[in-house]
Amino acid sequence: MINVHPQYIKDAEGNKSLVILSAKEFEAIIKELEDLDDIRLYDEAKKEDDGERIPFSKYLKHRKAKNG
């Protein structure tokens, strides 16, 4: 869990409108979001995995033929 110490800026009506975080806290949040996105993409890829595999050499041969 990320420990953050937000500071709020309020508008004229007293409603919280902006948040100030230290750069270190902000970067930790961004890294956590990136990690979560990687997990989401992995989970999506696993759902679409049909179990079929091809040898790397076959992939390279196909790629060379495709790209000329």
Protein backbone atom coordinates (compact mmCIF):
# COMPACT_ATOMS: atom_id res chain seq x y z
CA MET A 1 0.00 0.00 0.00
CA ILE A 2 1.24 3.45 -0.84
CA ASN A 3 1.36 5.97 1.96
CA VAL A 4 0.30 9.39 0.72
CA HIS A 5 -0.12 12.64 2.55
CA PRO A 6 -2.34 14.75 0.30
CA GLN A 7 -2.84 18.43 0.82
CA TYR A 8 -6.05 19.88 -0.54
CA ILE A 9 -6.77 23.24 -2.07
CA LYS A 10 -10.34 24.39 -1.69
CA ASP A 11 -12.36 26.56 -4.02
CA ALA A 12 -14.28 29.68 -2.97
CA GLU A 13 -17.17 27.53 -1.66
CA GLY A 14 -14.86 25.43 0.49
CA ASN A 15 -15.00 22.33 -1.73
CA LYS A 16 -11.81 20.37 -2.29
CA SER A 17 -10.77 21.13 -5.86
CA LEU A 18 -7.05 20.29 -6.14
CA VAL A 19 -4.65 17.86 -4.50
CA ILE A 20 -0.97 18.39 -3.82
CA LEU A 21 1.30 15.36 -3.41
CA SER A 22 5.03 15.11 -3.07
CA ALA A 23 6.81 14.08 -6.28
CA LYS A 24 7.84 10.82 -4.60
CA GLU A 25 4.24 9.98 -3.68
CA PHE A 26 3.00 10.90 -7.15
CA GLU A 27 5.65 8.73 -8.84
CA ALA A 28 4.76 5.81 -6.56
CA ILE A 29 1.09 6.12 -7.57
CA ILE A 30 2.00 6.26 -11.27
CA LYS A 31 4.20 3.16 -10.94
CA GLU A 32 1.42 1.30 -9.14
CA LEU A 33 -1.06 2.22 -11.88
CA GLU A 34 1.38 1.05 -14.56
CA ASP A 35 1.83 -2.26 -12.72
CA LEU A 36 -1.93 -2.70 -12.48
CA ASP A 37 -2.27 -1.99 -16.20
CA ASP A 38 0.37 -4.63 -16.95
CA ILE A 39 -1.59 -7.14 -14.86
CA ARG A 40 -4.80 -6.24 -16.67
CA LEU A 41 -3.13 -6.70 -20.08
CA TYR A 42 -1.67 -10.03 -18.98
CA ASP A 43 -5.07 -11.24 -17.78
CA GLU A 44 -6.65 -10.24 -21.11
CA ALA A 45 -3.93 -12.04 -23.05
CA LYS A 46 -4.40 -15.18 -20.95
CA LYS A 47 -8.13 -15.19 -21.74
CA GLU A 48 -7.36 -15.09 -25.47
CA ASP A 49 -4.64 -17.77 -25.28
CA ASP A 50 -5.70 -20.82 -27.23
CA GLY A 51 -2.61 -22.81 -26.26
CA GLU A 52 -1.19 -22.86 -29.77
CA ARG A 53 2.58 -22.34 -29.93
CA ILE A 54 4.97 -22.03 -32.85
CA PRO A 55 8.75 -22.40 -32.79
CA PHE A 56 10.68 -19.13 -32.75
CA SER A 57 12.47 -20.12 -35.97
CA LYS A 58 9.11 -20.49 -37.74
CA TYR A 59 8.04 -17.07 -36.46
CA LEU A 60 11.25 -15.48 -37.78
CA LYS A 61 10.81 -17.17 -41.17
CA HIS A 62 7.21 -15.90 -41.39
CA ARG A 63 8.25 -12.41 -40.30
CA LYS A 64 11.04 -12.21 -42.88
CA ALA A 65 8.67 -13.34 -45.62
CA LYS A 66 6.05 -10.81 -44.53
CA ASN A 67 8.47 -7.87 -44.40
CA GLY A 68 10.28 -8.78 -47.61
